[in-house]
Protein backbone atom coordinates (compact mmCIF):
# COMPACT_ATOMS: atom_id res chain seq x y z
CA MET A 1 65.08 100.95 128.06
CA ARG A 2 68.11 101.58 125.02
CA THR A 3 71.47 100.63 125.75
CA LEU A 4 74.71 102.05 124.66
CA ARG A 5 75.50 99.86 121.61
CA GLU A 6 71.36 100.94 120.27
CA ASP A 7 72.35 104.33 120.62
CA SER A 8 75.65 104.15 119.06
CA LEU A 9 74.21 102.16 116.11
CA ASN A 10 71.89 105.23 115.71
CA ILE A 11 73.62 107.85 115.57
CA TRP A 12 76.40 106.19 113.38
CA HIS A 13 73.58 105.28 110.91
CA ALA A 14 72.18 109.24 111.38
CA ALA A 15 75.68 110.32 109.81
CA VAL A 16 76.10 107.89 107.26
CA SER A 17 72.85 108.95 105.80
CA ALA A 18 73.37 112.37 106.20
CA VAL A 19 76.49 112.43 104.20
CA ARG A 20 74.73 110.29 101.32
CA GLY A 21 74.62 111.20 97.89
CA ASP A 22 70.87 111.19 96.98
CA VAL A 23 69.94 112.86 100.24
CA ALA A 24 73.29 115.83 99.94
CA VAL A 25 71.67 116.79 96.21
CA GLU A 26 68.45 117.13 97.41
CA ARG A 27 69.63 118.93 100.08
CA PHE A 28 71.79 121.46 98.71
CA VAL A 29 70.16 121.65 94.86
CA GLU A 30 66.66 123.22 95.11
CA LEU A 31 63.67 123.61 92.59
CA ASP A 32 60.79 126.43 91.65
CA PRO A 33 58.15 124.31 90.86
CA GLN A 34 55.91 127.16 89.63
CA HIS A 35 58.84 129.25 88.04
CA GLN A 36 60.78 126.62 86.85
CA ILE A 37 64.22 128.07 88.59
CA LEU A 38 66.84 125.32 89.83
CA ARG A 39 68.59 127.13 92.00
CA LEU A 40 72.00 125.93 93.74
CA PRO A 41 74.22 128.62 96.51
CA SER A 42 74.67 131.42 94.32
CA LEU A 43 73.37 130.23 91.07
CA ALA A 44 70.00 130.03 89.94
CA ILE A 45 69.09 128.81 86.56
CA ASP A 46 66.00 129.35 84.34
CA LEU A 47 64.97 125.65 83.28
CA ARG A 48 62.30 126.75 80.74
CA ASP A 49 65.41 128.39 78.21
CA VAL A 50 67.24 124.73 78.68
CA GLN A 51 66.30 122.49 76.26
CA ARG A 52 67.90 119.34 77.67
CA ILE A 53 69.73 118.26 80.61
CA ILE A 54 72.49 116.63 80.50
CA VAL A 55 73.78 114.74 83.53
CA VAL A 56 76.73 112.83 83.80
CA GLY A 57 79.66 111.49 86.17
CA ALA A 58 81.78 109.64 88.37
CA GLY A 59 82.09 108.16 91.20
CA LYS A 60 80.90 105.66 94.02
CA ALA A 61 78.22 108.18 95.23
CA SER A 62 77.36 109.47 91.65
CA GLY A 63 74.93 107.23 90.99
CA ALA A 64 72.67 108.07 94.59
CA MET A 65 73.55 111.32 93.18
CA ALA A 66 72.06 111.26 89.79
CA ALA A 67 68.94 109.52 91.52
CA GLY A 68 68.87 112.53 94.50
CA LEU A 69 68.57 115.34 91.19
CA GLU A 70 65.95 113.26 88.97
CA ARG A 71 63.88 113.44 92.30
CA VAL A 72 64.28 116.77 92.53
CA LEU A 73 63.52 117.36 88.73
CA CYS A 74 60.48 115.83 88.99
CA GLN A 75 59.03 118.33 91.06
CA VAL A 76 57.92 119.63 87.47
CA PRO A 77 55.73 117.90 84.93
CA GLY A 78 57.88 117.52 81.85
CA VAL A 79 61.13 118.79 83.17
CA LEU A 80 62.70 115.21 84.02
CA ASP A 81 61.85 114.12 80.13
CA ARG A 82 64.40 116.57 79.22
CA VAL A 83 66.87 114.89 80.98
CA VAL A 84 69.08 112.37 78.95
CA GLY A 85 72.23 111.19 80.93
CA TRP A 86 75.53 108.68 81.86
CA VAL A 87 77.04 107.86 85.09
CA ASN A 88 79.90 105.65 85.69
CA VAL A 89 79.33 103.75 89.41
CA PRO A 90 80.75 100.55 90.81
CA ASP A 91 79.15 96.99 90.08
CA GLY A 92 76.46 96.55 92.93
CA CYS A 93 75.83 100.11 92.31
CA ASP A 94 71.93 99.89 94.21
CA SER A 95 71.08 103.25 93.01
CA GLU A 96 67.63 103.86 90.99
CA THR A 97 67.22 106.28 88.02
CA SER A 98 64.48 106.17 85.21
CA HIS A 99 66.49 108.81 82.76
CA VAL A 100 70.28 108.52 83.59
CA HIS A 101 72.22 105.47 82.92
CA LEU A 102 74.20 104.05 85.55
CA HIS A 103 76.89 101.82 83.83
CA PRO A 104 78.78 99.82 86.84
CA CYS A 105 82.23 99.14 85.12
CA ARG A 106 84.32 98.30 88.54
CA PRO A 107 84.27 95.45 90.00
CA THR A 108 83.70 95.14 94.05
CA GLY A 109 86.57 95.34 96.22
CA THR A 110 88.56 97.41 93.96
CA ASN A 111 90.16 100.78 92.67
CA GLU A 112 91.32 100.17 89.13
CA PRO A 113 90.43 101.14 86.25
CA THR A 114 88.49 98.88 83.66
CA GLN A 115 87.68 98.33 80.05
CA GLN A 116 84.14 99.01 80.68
CA ALA A 117 84.44 101.93 82.44
CA VAL A 118 86.68 103.29 79.56
CA GLN A 119 83.55 102.49 77.12
CA GLY A 120 82.05 104.60 79.65
CA ALA A 121 84.17 107.37 79.81
CA ARG A 122 83.69 107.92 76.47
CA GLU A 123 80.02 108.64 76.55
CA ILE A 124 79.97 110.62 78.70
CA VAL A 125 82.36 113.13 76.45
CA ARG A 126 80.39 112.59 73.71
CA LEU A 127 77.20 114.12 75.87
CA VAL A 128 78.75 117.14 77.02
CA SER A 129 80.78 117.11 73.46
CA GLU A 130 77.23 117.74 72.22
CA GLY A 131 75.14 120.09 74.31
CA GLY A 132 74.13 122.69 72.43
CA GLU A 133 73.10 126.44 73.50
CA CYS A 134 70.36 125.44 75.04
CA ASP A 135 71.23 122.72 77.31
CA LEU A 136 72.82 122.58 80.28
CA CYS A 137 75.17 120.04 81.57
CA ILE A 138 75.58 118.63 85.79
CA ALA A 139 78.14 116.87 86.35
CA LEU A 140 78.05 114.61 89.63
CA PHE A 141 81.64 113.48 90.78
CA SER A 142 82.45 112.05 94.44
CA GLY A 143 85.37 110.08 96.24
CA GLY A 144 86.67 106.89 93.18
CA GLY A 145 85.65 109.17 90.21
CA SER A 146 89.33 108.76 89.07
CA ALA A 147 89.15 105.25 88.61
CA LEU A 148 85.66 105.04 86.72
CA LEU A 149 86.72 107.93 84.76
CA PRO A 150 89.79 106.18 82.44
CA ALA A 151 90.50 108.25 78.84
CA PRO A 152 94.50 107.67 78.24
CA VAL A 153 95.45 110.02 76.09
CA ALA A 154 96.68 108.79 72.75
CA GLY A 155 99.73 106.37 72.66
CA ILE A 156 98.93 105.57 76.40
CA SER A 157 97.37 102.30 77.17
CA LEU A 158 94.40 101.58 80.14
CA GLN A 159 97.30 98.83 81.41
CA ASP A 160 100.21 101.39 81.09
CA LYS A 161 98.04 103.72 83.87
CA ILE A 162 97.40 100.84 85.98
CA ALA A 163 101.07 99.94 85.97
CA VAL A 164 101.85 103.94 87.10
CA THR A 165 98.81 104.01 89.68
CA ARG A 166 100.14 100.96 91.59
CA LEU A 167 103.29 102.02 91.56
CA LEU A 168 102.66 105.21 93.54
CA SER A 169 99.93 103.14 95.44
CA GLY A 170 102.68 100.88 96.70
CA ALA A 171 105.13 103.15 96.84
CA GLY A 172 103.15 105.06 99.63
CA TYR A 173 102.35 108.52 97.76
CA ASP A 174 98.97 110.64 98.66
CA ILE A 175 96.07 111.22 96.48
CA ARG A 176 97.12 114.46 95.96
CA GLN A 177 100.64 113.05 94.06
CA LEU A 178 98.92 110.26 92.54
CA ASN A 179 96.34 112.11 90.74
CA ALA A 180 99.69 115.23 89.87
CA VAL A 181 99.95 111.96 87.69
CA ARG A 182 97.03 111.13 86.23
CA LYS A 183 96.08 113.83 85.07
CA PRO A 184 98.24 114.57 83.03
CA LEU A 185 97.95 111.01 81.37
CA SER A 186 93.94 111.99 80.51
CA CYS A 187 92.01 113.17 77.68
CA ILE A 188 89.75 114.17 80.55
CA LYS A 189 90.47 114.44 84.04
CA GLY A 190 92.13 117.76 85.19
CA GLY A 191 89.80 120.17 83.68
CA LYS A 192 89.79 118.10 80.20
CA LEU A 193 85.82 117.62 80.06
CA LEU A 194 84.86 121.20 80.98
CA ASP A 195 87.30 122.55 77.70
CA THR A 196 85.19 119.36 75.62
CA ALA A 197 81.56 120.83 76.91
CA GLY A 198 81.63 122.74 73.70
CA ARG A 199 78.49 125.56 73.35
CA CYS A 200 76.43 124.10 76.24
CA ARG A 201 76.51 125.18 80.17
CA LEU A 202 78.43 123.39 82.23
CA ILE A 203 77.88 122.95 86.66
CA GLY A 204 80.30 120.53 88.49
CA LEU A 205 78.28 119.48 91.75
CA TYR A 206 81.45 117.12 93.67
CA ILE A 207 80.85 115.26 97.31
CA SER A 208 84.47 115.34 98.83
CA ASP A 209 86.37 112.26 100.35
CA VAL A 210 90.24 114.42 100.36
CA LEU A 211 90.93 116.16 103.59
CA GLY A 212 90.63 120.13 102.79
CA ASP A 213 88.34 119.58 99.46
CA PRO A 214 90.26 120.81 97.00
CA LEU A 215 88.25 120.35 93.68
CA ASP A 216 90.82 119.34 91.88
CA VAL A 217 91.33 116.58 93.38
CA ILE A 218 88.23 114.63 93.96
CA ALA A 219 87.68 112.30 90.68
CA SER A 220 91.34 114.05 89.39
CA GLY A 221 88.66 117.59 88.89
CA PRO A 222 87.51 116.66 85.84
CA THR A 223 85.55 120.56 85.18
CA VAL A 224 88.03 122.34 87.21
CA PRO A 225 90.71 124.05 85.01
CA ASP A 226 93.99 123.22 86.77
CA SER A 227 97.59 123.33 87.26
CA SER A 228 99.31 120.52 86.67
CA THR A 229 101.42 119.66 84.20
CA CYS A 230 103.74 116.93 82.68
CA ALA A 231 106.70 118.61 84.02
CA HIS A 232 105.00 118.07 87.31
CA ALA A 233 103.98 114.60 86.87
CA LEU A 234 107.89 113.59 85.63
CA ALA A 235 109.18 115.05 89.25
CA ILE A 236 106.75 112.96 91.13
CA LEU A 237 107.95 109.48 89.11
CA GLU A 238 111.62 110.30 88.63
CA THR A 239 111.46 110.24 93.00
CA LEU A 240 110.10 106.85 92.66
CA PRO A 241 112.76 104.12 94.26
CA LEU A 242 115.40 103.22 91.50
CA ASP A 243 113.94 99.95 90.81
CA ASP A 244 110.61 101.03 90.63
CA ARG A 245 111.33 104.00 88.42
CA ARG A 246 112.31 100.88 86.06
CA ARG A 247 108.57 99.31 85.09
CA VAL A 248 106.96 102.45 84.52
CA PRO A 249 105.93 102.28 81.10
CA GLU A 250 108.40 103.43 78.39
CA SER A 251 105.72 104.98 76.98
CA VAL A 252 104.75 106.95 79.57
CA TRP A 253 108.29 108.24 80.00
CA GLN A 254 108.02 109.80 76.22
CA TYR A 255 104.49 111.19 76.36
CA LEU A 256 105.60 113.18 79.68
CA ARG A 257 109.55 113.71 77.96
CA ARG A 258 107.39 115.32 75.16
CA CYS A 259 104.97 117.11 76.29
CA ALA A 260 107.01 118.65 78.77
CA LEU A 261 108.94 120.94 76.38
CA PRO A 262 108.26 124.21 76.21
CA THR A 263 105.50 125.56 74.85
CA HIS A 264 107.64 126.90 71.57
CA PHE A 265 108.72 123.86 70.99
CA PHE A 266 105.40 121.87 71.57
CA PHE A 267 101.90 122.38 73.24
CA ASN A 268 100.85 123.60 76.77
CA ASP A 269 99.26 120.53 78.49
CA THR A 270 96.70 122.27 81.26
CA PRO A 271 93.59 123.55 80.56
CA THR A 272 92.97 127.83 80.95
CA THR A 273 89.62 127.81 80.58
């Protein structure tokens, strides 16, 4: 006879398995082997018209998502051979892929960006920006993607961004406020990865760890047009306690104040794609 503990463990394991990144992708993405039609809800893509499938991403579940996507694509001989890709993952990721490179770049037990993650983000931007008219880019993002996809704007160092993140987190600011500050300081967050996708078609698949599933918040929404502005980021930083405000790097204050100027003095910092 099974015990209550065994039943509880079985329920827990079933729940965890149901939301694994690879399982979620295989449930959500289908491939018609006969006609090479890739199907997602409200979307169908004829892969016979696609030259390369560029897979990029970042997040705690994104390695598993890439593995699941490869299993979907391998149903048609030759399709997987058109896949190239790069996904930033935490150290210890046990997912296995054959064509998408999984780049471990964040130590286990931490949630801060590293220089290795910066290098991976550059490779992701390169792959997306080189996509042509006949290429399809599939971007895979999940919780933890913000720390795994650092690309500081010119004049802001990685240490500057880490310092700001620590101050906001330590003061109890929520993920929406945290990401609203991180996005203007990034070359890739807040829809800016979408802006780099020159001529190729880009699809973003997200696994949410945020209540309400706001796509512009999950992994800081690299493929989602965003309304956050430098002025909004400034307003959030200015609500920090006085001692914390003094610890915000001067480079961050200067950048945000400069880009918060009216557009006729400077530029519009919000992607409009």
